[in-house]
Amino acid sequence: MTPERWRQIEELFHAARARPPGERTAFLAATCPDDEVRREVELLLDEPESDDGFLAPPTLAMMARVAAETGPQDMTGQNVGGYRLELLIGAGGMGEVYLARDATLGRDVAIKILPRAFTSHPDRLARFEREARMLAALNHPNICAIYGFEEAGSGDAAIRFLILELVEGETLADTLAHGSLRSSGGAGLLPRDALTIARQIAEALEAAHEKGIIHRDLKPANIKITPDGVVKVLDFGLAKTVNGDGSSPDITNAPDRPGGTSREGAVLGTARYMSPEQARGQAVDKRADIWAFGCVLYEMLAGRVTFAGETASDTIAKVLEREPDWGALPPTLRPGVVTLLQRCLEKDAKRRLRDVGDARIELDDALNQLVASGARPAPAPSPRWRRLAPPALALAGLTALIVGFWPRPVWENPLANATF
C-alpha cells in the first residue's frame, strides 16, 4: 500500500465516520468506486476506538505497514532543525533513527523522524506532543531520555522528530541471541546477571509508574545495556501516545521473522510480551508492564521466550490459555524469585503483582543472597560487535535509540566489568 492510497483511505474513513452509521454504506458506495479502497475503509469503520480517540491495533498495524513498505528514505548528511544527520542507525514502522550532531550544544544525539502517517492527523499529533513533553520530564538513570519534540519545515513538507538520548551498547535481545552472558551449560543468562538487569528494569518502571506513565511495549528489543553495564529502557510511553490502547508502537519489528510480509507476523515480537488484557483489547494499566517485566525476566533465566507460537495469533492464544514452563527455570533459583515470576505472570490482572517496587525488593533480597553465598558471574565473552571493523562497530553499537552519561548506581553492579 502506497502513502497516497493510505491518504485516500484515511480521508474517506474520516468522512464516513462523521456520518450516522446507517448512512455510511450508501456514502461509500456513492463516493468510492474502488472496491479495494472501500473494503479497507469498511474494515477501519468496524474497528473499535479507545477512550482517547485512537484506533485499535489492526488500524495502527496498517499505518505502520504503509510506513514500512515505502522503506526508509536516507537523509544522512542533511540538516533538520539545528541537527546534522550523520548516520542512519535504525528504521521501522515508527520512523527512522539517526545519529545526529547537535550544532548548538556540541553533542551527539539520536533523532527519530516520525512518519507522516502518524503525524498527519491533528488530534493525534496534539496528543503526541503532550505526551512527549510529559515524557521529557521523566529523568531517571535507567530510562532513555527524550530531549524534545520539534518540527522542521512547513506545510506538507514539515518533518516532525524526537530528540533522544544516544545510548551506546547493545539491546538485551542481542545479548540473549548471542549469549555473551549465558551461564555455562545453561540456556539462560547467569542468574546474578539476569537479576541485576531485571533490578534496573524494575527501577525504570517504578520511576515511570510513580508519574503515571506506562510503557506498554516492554521487551528485550526496547532494553539496552551500556558498556558500563547500565540498563536503559527505551521507547517509554510512545505506545501509549500513538495507540492509546497499549499495543506496540514499532509493530513492524519482528526479528524472528526476517523479511516477513504478513500482517500477523509483523506483530509477533510484541505479542510475546503482551498481557492477557492487552491481547483482548481491554483497558490496561501498570500491571501490563508488570506482566511484560515477568516475561523478560523469565526469558533471561530460562533462555527461551515465555510464550512462543508460529504466528501472532498462536502466541496470543498461549498468552491467554497456557502457563509458562516453570521447569525451564534454573533449579538453583531462589524460591522467592520463582514466586515473583508467578505473581508477575498471573493471567488475572486482579491477582497479579500490583507494584513493580515489590519486585525490586525481592530482587534486592535475591542479589544479596547471591553475594552472601559468594556467587560471581563468569567472565563474559566479547560479543560479536566488539570484533567488527570500526564502521560496522559504530553502526551496531548505536542500533536502536539513545544515552549520554549517568552516574553509576550506588549498589554493586556485576555487569560493570563485563564486555559488551
Protein backbone atom coordinates (compact mmCIF):
# COMPACT_ATOMS: atom_id res chain seq x y z
CA MET A 1 0.00 0.00 0.00
CA THR A 2 1.41 3.38 -1.03
CA PRO A 3 1.23 6.52 1.11
CA GLU A 4 -1.10 8.07 -1.49
CA ARG A 5 -3.50 5.14 -1.20
CA TRP A 6 -3.40 5.34 2.57
CA ARG A 7 -4.23 9.07 2.44
CA GLN A 8 -7.23 8.28 0.22
CA ILE A 9 -8.40 5.61 2.68
CA GLU A 10 -7.89 7.91 5.66
CA GLU A 11 -9.84 10.78 4.06
CA LEU A 12 -12.77 8.50 3.20
CA PHE A 13 -12.64 6.95 6.67
CA HIS A 14 -12.93 10.29 8.47
CA ALA A 15 -15.67 11.47 6.10
CA ALA A 16 -17.68 8.27 6.59
CA ARG A 17 -17.19 8.21 10.36
CA ALA A 18 -18.66 11.72 10.59
CA ARG A 19 -21.95 10.34 9.26
CA PRO A 20 -24.55 8.30 11.15
CA PRO A 21 -23.77 4.54 10.98
CA GLY A 22 -26.86 3.85 8.87
CA GLU A 23 -25.67 6.24 6.13
CA ARG A 24 -22.07 5.11 5.82
CA THR A 25 -22.56 2.22 3.39
CA ALA A 26 -24.51 4.36 0.92
CA PHE A 27 -21.96 7.18 1.26
CA LEU A 28 -19.04 4.88 0.43
CA ALA A 29 -20.90 3.30 -2.48
CA ALA A 30 -21.53 6.73 -3.96
CA THR A 31 -18.07 8.25 -3.36
CA CYS A 32 -15.67 5.31 -3.69
CA PRO A 33 -15.72 3.33 -6.96
CA ASP A 34 -12.58 1.36 -5.98
CA ASP A 35 -13.77 -1.85 -4.32
CA GLU A 36 -10.44 -2.50 -2.55
CA VAL A 37 -10.28 1.00 -1.08
CA ARG A 38 -13.91 0.75 0.02
CA ARG A 39 -13.23 -2.59 1.76
CA GLU A 40 -10.25 -1.10 3.62
CA VAL A 41 -12.39 1.83 4.77
CA GLU A 42 -15.15 -0.52 5.90
CA LEU A 43 -12.61 -2.54 7.90
CA LEU A 44 -11.43 0.62 9.63
CA LEU A 45 -15.00 1.65 10.42
CA ASP A 46 -15.52 -1.74 12.06
CA GLU A 47 -12.53 -1.22 14.36
CA PRO A 48 -13.29 -0.07 17.93
CA GLU A 49 -11.95 3.23 19.16
CA SER A 50 -10.24 3.62 22.52
CA ASP A 51 -11.46 6.14 25.05
CA ASP A 52 -8.83 8.66 23.97
CA GLY A 53 -9.84 8.63 20.31
CA PHE A 54 -7.16 6.39 18.88
CA LEU A 55 -7.78 3.44 16.61
CA ALA A 56 -7.33 -0.18 17.59
CA PRO A 57 -4.16 -2.24 16.93
CA PRO A 58 -5.10 -3.54 13.42
CA THR A 59 -5.60 0.05 12.27
CA LEU A 60 -2.21 1.07 13.63
CA ALA A 61 -0.74 -2.06 12.05
CA MET A 62 -1.95 -0.86 8.65
CA MET A 63 -0.46 2.57 9.23
CA ALA A 64 2.88 1.11 10.28
CA ARG A 65 2.82 -1.20 7.27
CA VAL A 66 2.40 1.84 4.98
CA ALA A 67 5.47 3.43 6.54
CA ALA A 68 7.48 0.20 6.42
CA GLU A 69 6.61 -0.72 2.82
CA THR A 70 7.78 2.63 1.48
CA GLY A 71 11.16 1.93 3.09
CA PRO A 72 13.44 4.38 4.89
CA GLN A 73 14.42 7.50 2.97
CA ASP A 74 18.02 8.01 3.96
CA MET A 75 18.52 11.64 4.93
CA THR A 76 22.14 11.21 6.03
CA GLY A 77 24.10 14.41 5.57
CA GLN A 78 21.05 16.67 5.73
CA ASN A 79 20.30 19.24 8.40
CA VAL A 80 17.00 19.01 10.27
CA GLY A 81 16.41 21.96 12.53
CA GLY A 82 19.68 22.52 14.32
CA TYR A 83 20.83 18.91 13.91
CA ARG A 84 23.04 17.34 11.25
CA LEU A 85 22.06 13.74 10.47
CA GLU A 86 25.32 11.79 10.49
CA LEU A 87 24.23 8.14 10.18
CA LEU A 88 21.02 6.14 9.74
CA ILE A 89 21.11 3.67 12.63
CA GLY A 90 17.60 2.21 12.61
CA ALA A 91 14.29 2.17 10.75
CA GLY A 92 10.86 0.72 11.37
CA GLY A 93 7.17 1.39 11.35
CA MET A 94 7.61 4.35 13.71
CA GLY A 95 10.20 6.11 11.56
CA GLU A 96 13.92 6.38 11.02
CA VAL A 97 16.52 6.92 13.74
CA TYR A 98 19.72 8.84 13.03
CA LEU A 99 22.90 9.52 14.89
CA ALA A 100 22.93 13.30 14.76
CA ARG A 101 25.08 16.19 15.88
CA ASP A 102 23.57 19.00 17.92
CA ALA A 103 25.39 22.00 16.48
CA THR A 104 24.23 24.32 19.26
CA LEU A 105 25.34 22.24 22.25
CA GLY A 106 28.10 20.30 20.50
CA ARG A 107 26.84 16.85 21.47
CA ASP A 108 25.69 13.69 19.74
CA VAL A 109 22.01 12.77 19.98
CA ALA A 110 19.58 10.40 18.32
CA ILE A 111 16.95 11.90 16.03
CA LYS A 112 13.80 9.89 15.37
CA ILE A 113 11.91 11.20 12.34
CA LEU A 114 8.26 10.20 12.54
CA PRO A 115 6.25 9.00 9.53
CA ARG A 116 3.62 11.37 8.23
CA ALA A 117 1.06 8.59 8.55
CA PHE A 118 1.36 9.02 12.33
CA THR A 119 1.55 12.79 12.50
CA SER A 120 -0.84 13.97 9.75
CA HIS A 121 -3.93 13.74 11.96
CA PRO A 122 -4.18 16.96 14.06
CA ASP A 123 -5.68 15.29 17.16
CA ARG A 124 -3.13 12.51 17.12
CA LEU A 125 -0.28 14.97 16.66
CA ALA A 126 -1.51 17.17 19.52
CA ARG A 127 -1.65 14.16 21.83
CA PHE A 128 1.80 13.06 20.74
CA GLU A 129 3.19 16.49 21.56
CA ARG A 130 1.58 16.48 25.02
CA GLU A 131 2.93 13.02 25.78
CA ALA A 132 6.40 13.94 24.52
CA ARG A 133 6.52 16.93 26.87
CA MET A 134 5.42 14.75 29.78
CA LEU A 135 8.00 12.08 28.98
CA ALA A 136 10.74 14.67 28.60
CA ALA A 137 10.29 15.42 32.32
CA LEU A 138 10.91 11.76 33.22
CA ASN A 139 14.52 11.84 34.41
CA HIS A 140 15.98 8.55 35.61
CA PRO A 141 19.36 6.86 35.04
CA ASN A 142 17.70 3.69 33.72
CA ILE A 143 15.39 5.44 31.27
CA CYS A 144 16.45 6.80 27.90
CA ALA A 145 15.60 10.48 27.93
CA ILE A 146 13.56 12.48 25.45
CA TYR A 147 15.08 15.91 25.00
CA GLY A 148 12.35 17.37 22.85
CA PHE A 149 9.82 17.13 20.04
CA GLU A 150 10.39 19.55 17.18
CA GLU A 151 9.26 20.42 13.68
CA ALA A 152 11.31 21.49 10.68
CA GLY A 153 9.81 22.94 7.51
CA SER A 154 6.19 23.84 6.96
CA GLY A 155 3.02 22.59 5.33
CA ASP A 156 3.08 19.19 3.65
CA ALA A 157 6.89 19.22 3.71
CA ALA A 158 7.07 19.57 7.51
CA ILE A 159 9.18 16.98 9.32
CA ARG A 160 8.42 16.15 12.93
CA PHE A 161 11.03 14.45 15.03
CA LEU A 162 12.04 13.45 18.53
CA ILE A 163 15.42 14.36 20.01
CA LEU A 164 16.61 11.46 22.12
CA GLU A 165 19.49 10.46 24.30
CA LEU A 166 22.10 8.49 22.39
CA VAL A 167 22.60 5.08 24.02
CA GLU A 168 25.72 3.08 23.28
CA GLY A 169 25.81 -0.68 23.72
CA GLU A 170 23.56 -3.48 22.55
CA THR A 171 19.98 -4.45 23.21
CA LEU A 172 19.01 -7.18 25.61
CA ALA A 173 17.60 -9.00 22.58
CA ASP A 174 21.10 -9.04 21.07
CA THR A 175 22.60 -10.26 24.35
CA LEU A 176 20.07 -13.08 24.58
CA ALA A 177 20.65 -14.01 20.93
CA HIS A 178 24.42 -14.39 21.05
CA GLY A 179 24.66 -15.47 24.68
CA SER A 180 27.62 -13.36 25.83
CA LEU A 181 26.32 -13.61 29.43
CA ARG A 182 24.99 -17.15 29.15
CA SER A 183 25.58 -19.49 32.07
CA SER A 184 27.82 -22.47 31.48
CA GLY A 185 25.73 -25.47 30.47
CA GLY A 186 22.51 -23.45 30.64
CA ALA A 187 20.31 -21.75 28.10
CA GLY A 188 19.64 -18.59 30.09
CA LEU A 189 21.85 -15.84 31.43
CA LEU A 190 23.82 -16.23 34.60
CA PRO A 191 21.23 -15.80 37.38
CA ARG A 192 23.10 -12.94 39.02
CA ASP A 193 23.39 -11.10 35.71
CA ALA A 194 19.73 -11.71 34.89
CA LEU A 195 18.62 -10.45 38.30
CA THR A 196 20.90 -7.41 38.08
CA ILE A 197 19.45 -6.46 34.70
CA ALA A 198 15.92 -7.09 35.97
CA ARG A 199 16.50 -4.92 39.03
CA GLN A 200 17.45 -1.94 36.86
CA ILE A 201 14.43 -2.54 34.59
CA ALA A 202 12.25 -2.58 37.71
CA GLU A 203 13.74 0.73 38.86
CA ALA A 204 12.93 2.30 35.49
CA LEU A 205 9.34 1.05 35.56
CA GLU A 206 8.90 2.11 39.18
CA ALA A 207 10.03 5.66 38.39
CA ALA A 208 7.70 5.86 35.41
CA HIS A 209 4.70 4.36 37.19
CA GLU A 210 5.09 6.86 40.02
CA LYS A 211 4.49 9.59 37.42
CA GLY A 212 1.56 7.78 35.85
CA ILE A 213 3.48 6.70 32.75
CA ILE A 214 3.02 3.18 31.40
CA HIS A 215 5.47 1.74 28.89
CA ARG A 216 3.08 -0.80 27.25
CA ASP A 217 5.73 -2.26 24.93
CA LEU A 218 8.44 -3.57 27.23
CA LYS A 219 10.52 -6.26 25.51
CA PRO A 220 14.23 -7.14 25.11
CA ALA A 221 14.49 -5.09 21.90
CA ASN A 222 13.49 -1.99 23.92
CA ILE A 223 16.14 -2.54 26.58
CA LYS A 224 19.79 -1.63 26.10
CA ILE A 225 22.87 -2.38 28.17
CA THR A 226 25.67 0.18 28.01
CA PRO A 227 29.35 -0.82 28.02
CA ASP A 228 29.37 0.12 31.73
CA GLY A 229 26.59 -2.38 32.50
CA VAL A 230 23.88 0.23 32.99
CA VAL A 231 20.46 -0.79 31.71
CA LYS A 232 18.44 1.73 29.71
CA VAL A 233 14.76 1.23 28.91
CA LEU A 234 13.82 2.76 25.56
CA ASP A 235 10.62 3.99 23.90
CA PHE A 236 8.88 4.89 27.15
CA GLY A 237 5.29 5.88 26.61
CA LEU A 238 5.35 6.01 22.81
CA ALA A 239 2.95 3.09 22.52
CA LYS A 240 0.50 4.83 24.82
CA THR A 241 0.92 8.06 22.91
CA VAL A 242 0.27 6.64 19.47
CA ASN A 243 -2.21 3.86 20.09
CA GLY A 244 -3.88 4.77 23.33
CA ASP A 245 -4.71 1.11 23.93
CA GLY A 246 -1.33 -0.35 24.79
CA SER A 247 -0.25 -2.08 21.58
CA SER A 248 3.22 -1.81 20.17
CA PRO A 249 4.49 1.40 18.59
CA ASP A 250 7.06 -0.42 16.48
CA ILE A 251 4.83 -3.26 15.37
CA THR A 252 6.82 -3.96 12.24
CA ASN A 253 9.74 -5.12 14.35
CA ALA A 254 9.73 -8.91 14.13
CA PRO A 255 13.38 -10.01 14.29
CA ASP A 256 12.44 -13.68 14.39
CA ARG A 257 10.70 -13.43 11.01
CA PRO A 258 13.17 -11.53 8.80
CA GLY A 259 11.69 -10.39 5.56
CA GLY A 260 8.21 -11.49 6.57
CA THR A 261 5.41 -9.55 4.98
CA SER A 262 2.37 -10.95 6.73
CA ARG A 263 0.37 -8.56 8.87
CA GLU A 264 0.07 -11.15 11.61
CA GLY A 265 3.77 -12.00 11.63
CA ALA A 266 4.62 -8.32 11.94
CA VAL A 267 3.24 -8.14 15.46
CA LEU A 268 4.80 -11.38 16.71
CA GLY A 269 7.70 -9.71 18.50
CA THR A 270 5.35 -7.72 20.71
CA ALA A 271 2.66 -10.39 21.09
CA ARG A 272 5.12 -12.48 23.12
CA TYR A 273 5.18 -9.83 25.86
CA MET A 274 1.56 -8.70 25.68
CA SER A 275 -0.57 -9.12 28.79
CA PRO A 276 -3.87 -11.05 28.52
CA GLU A 277 -5.97 -7.93 28.96
CA GLN A 278 -3.87 -6.14 26.36
CA ALA A 279 -4.31 -9.04 23.92
CA ARG A 280 -8.07 -8.85 24.41
CA GLY A 281 -8.08 -5.13 23.60
CA GLN A 282 -9.16 -4.19 27.11
CA ALA A 283 -8.02 -1.16 29.07
CA VAL A 284 -4.56 -1.59 30.56
CA ASP A 285 -2.69 -0.07 33.48
CA LYS A 286 0.74 -0.54 35.04
CA ARG A 287 0.02 -4.24 35.56
CA ALA A 288 0.53 -4.74 31.82
CA ASP A 289 4.11 -3.55 32.31
CA ILE A 290 4.49 -5.93 35.25
CA TRP A 291 3.38 -8.83 33.04
CA ALA A 292 5.91 -7.86 30.35
CA PHE A 293 8.58 -7.49 33.03
CA GLY A 294 7.85 -11.06 34.12
CA CYS A 295 8.14 -12.26 30.52
CA VAL A 296 11.53 -10.56 30.12
CA LEU A 297 12.87 -11.92 33.43
CA TYR A 298 11.65 -15.43 32.59
CA GLU A 299 13.36 -15.27 29.19
CA MET A 300 16.65 -14.16 30.73
CA LEU A 301 16.60 -17.00 33.27
CA ALA A 302 15.15 -19.81 31.12
CA GLY A 303 16.81 -18.92 27.84
CA ARG A 304 13.52 -19.12 25.96
CA VAL A 305 10.55 -16.84 25.40
CA THR A 306 7.72 -17.25 27.86
CA PHE A 307 5.04 -17.75 25.20
CA ALA A 308 6.03 -18.71 21.65
CA GLY A 309 3.88 -19.57 18.65
CA GLU A 310 4.29 -19.83 14.89
CA THR A 311 2.09 -16.78 14.36
CA ALA A 312 0.96 -13.83 16.43
CA SER A 313 -2.46 -15.50 16.83
CA ASP A 314 -0.86 -18.70 18.12
CA THR A 315 1.26 -16.70 20.54
CA ILE A 316 -1.70 -14.71 21.85
CA ALA A 317 -3.66 -17.94 22.31
CA LYS A 318 -0.86 -19.26 24.52
CA VAL A 319 -0.75 -15.99 26.46
CA LEU A 320 -4.46 -16.35 27.16
CA GLU A 321 -4.62 -20.10 27.84
CA ARG A 322 -1.23 -21.63 28.71
CA GLU A 323 1.12 -21.46 31.67
CA PRO A 324 4.87 -20.92 31.27
CA ASP A 325 7.14 -23.94 31.52
CA TRP A 326 8.26 -23.39 35.08
CA GLY A 327 10.56 -26.41 34.83
CA ALA A 328 12.78 -24.48 32.41
CA LEU A 329 13.96 -22.15 35.19
CA PRO A 330 17.34 -22.84 36.82
CA PRO A 331 16.85 -25.40 39.62
CA THR A 332 19.01 -23.36 41.99
CA LEU A 333 16.90 -20.24 41.58
CA ARG A 334 15.78 -18.66 44.86
CA PRO A 335 12.15 -19.70 45.60
CA GLY A 336 11.21 -16.09 46.14
CA VAL A 337 12.18 -15.26 42.56
CA VAL A 338 10.05 -18.12 41.23
CA THR A 339 7.12 -16.84 43.29
CA LEU A 340 7.78 -13.33 41.96
CA LEU A 341 7.62 -14.61 38.38
CA GLN A 342 4.39 -16.47 39.08
CA ARG A 343 2.82 -13.33 40.51
CA CYS A 344 4.01 -11.19 37.59
CA LEU A 345 2.61 -13.71 35.09
CA GLU A 346 -0.76 -14.16 36.75
CA LYS A 347 -3.33 -14.02 33.93
CA ASP A 348 -5.97 -12.39 36.11
CA ALA A 349 -4.81 -8.79 36.43
CA LYS A 350 -6.61 -8.50 39.79
CA ARG A 351 -4.36 -11.24 41.21
CA ARG A 352 -1.17 -10.02 39.57
CA LEU A 353 1.61 -8.21 41.41
CA ARG A 354 0.33 -4.67 41.78
CA ASP A 355 3.55 -2.70 42.20
CA VAL A 356 6.86 -3.24 40.45
CA GLY A 357 8.56 -1.78 43.53
CA ASP A 358 7.73 -5.05 45.30
CA ALA A 359 9.59 -6.87 42.52
CA ARG A 360 12.62 -4.65 43.05
CA ILE A 361 12.64 -5.51 46.77
CA GLU A 362 12.55 -9.24 46.04
CA LEU A 363 15.36 -8.87 43.50
CA ASP A 364 17.42 -6.96 46.07
CA ASP A 365 16.97 -9.83 48.53
CA ALA A 366 17.92 -12.41 45.90
CA LEU A 367 21.02 -10.47 44.84
CA ASN A 368 22.11 -10.01 48.46
CA GLN A 369 21.76 -13.74 48.99
CA LEU A 370 23.90 -14.45 45.94
CA VAL A 371 26.56 -12.04 47.21
CA ALA A 372 26.50 -13.69 50.63
CA SER A 373 26.93 -17.12 49.03
CA GLY A 374 29.96 -15.89 47.11
CA ALA A 375 28.40 -16.28 43.66
CA ARG A 376 30.24 -14.44 40.93
CA PRO A 377 29.37 -14.12 37.27
CA ALA A 378 31.61 -15.96 34.82
CA PRO A 379 33.76 -13.81 32.51
CA ALA A 380 31.63 -12.70 29.58
CA PRO A 381 32.98 -13.43 26.09
CA SER A 382 33.23 -10.47 23.76
CA PRO A 383 30.01 -10.02 21.80
CA ARG A 384 30.13 -10.02 18.03
CA TRP A 385 30.07 -6.27 17.62
CA ARG A 386 33.35 -5.89 19.52
CA ARG A 387 35.05 -7.81 16.72
CA LEU A 388 33.60 -5.73 13.88
CA ALA A 389 35.51 -3.19 11.84
CA PRO A 390 35.19 0.41 13.05
CA PRO A 391 32.42 1.48 10.61
CA ALA A 392 30.32 -1.56 11.43
CA LEU A 393 31.12 -1.10 15.11
CA ALA A 394 29.70 2.40 15.04
CA LEU A 395 26.51 1.18 13.41
CA ALA A 396 25.97 -1.89 15.58
CA GLY A 397 26.87 -0.09 18.77
CA LEU A 398 24.17 2.50 18.14
CA THR A 399 21.43 0.39 16.58
CA ALA A 400 18.27 1.33 18.41
CA LEU A 401 17.96 4.72 20.01
CA ILE A 402 19.76 6.67 22.54
CA VAL A 403 22.17 7.90 26.07
CA GLY A 404 24.53 10.19 27.49
CA PHE A 405 26.31 9.65 30.71
CA TRP A 406 24.65 8.77 34.01
CA PRO A 407 26.30 8.18 37.38
CA ARG A 408 26.87 4.57 38.33
CA PRO A 409 24.23 3.11 40.69
CA VAL A 410 25.38 3.07 44.27
CA TRP A 411 24.85 -0.69 44.60
CA GLU A 412 27.44 -3.06 43.18
CA ASN A 413 26.72 -3.90 39.55
CA PRO A 414 28.29 -7.22 38.49
CA LEU A 415 27.84 -6.24 34.83
CA ALA A 416 30.15 -3.27 35.22
CA ASN A 417 33.22 -5.32 34.32
CA ALA A 418 31.53 -7.35 31.59
CA THR A 419 32.39 -6.69 27.98
CA PHE A 420 29.57 -5.60 25.70
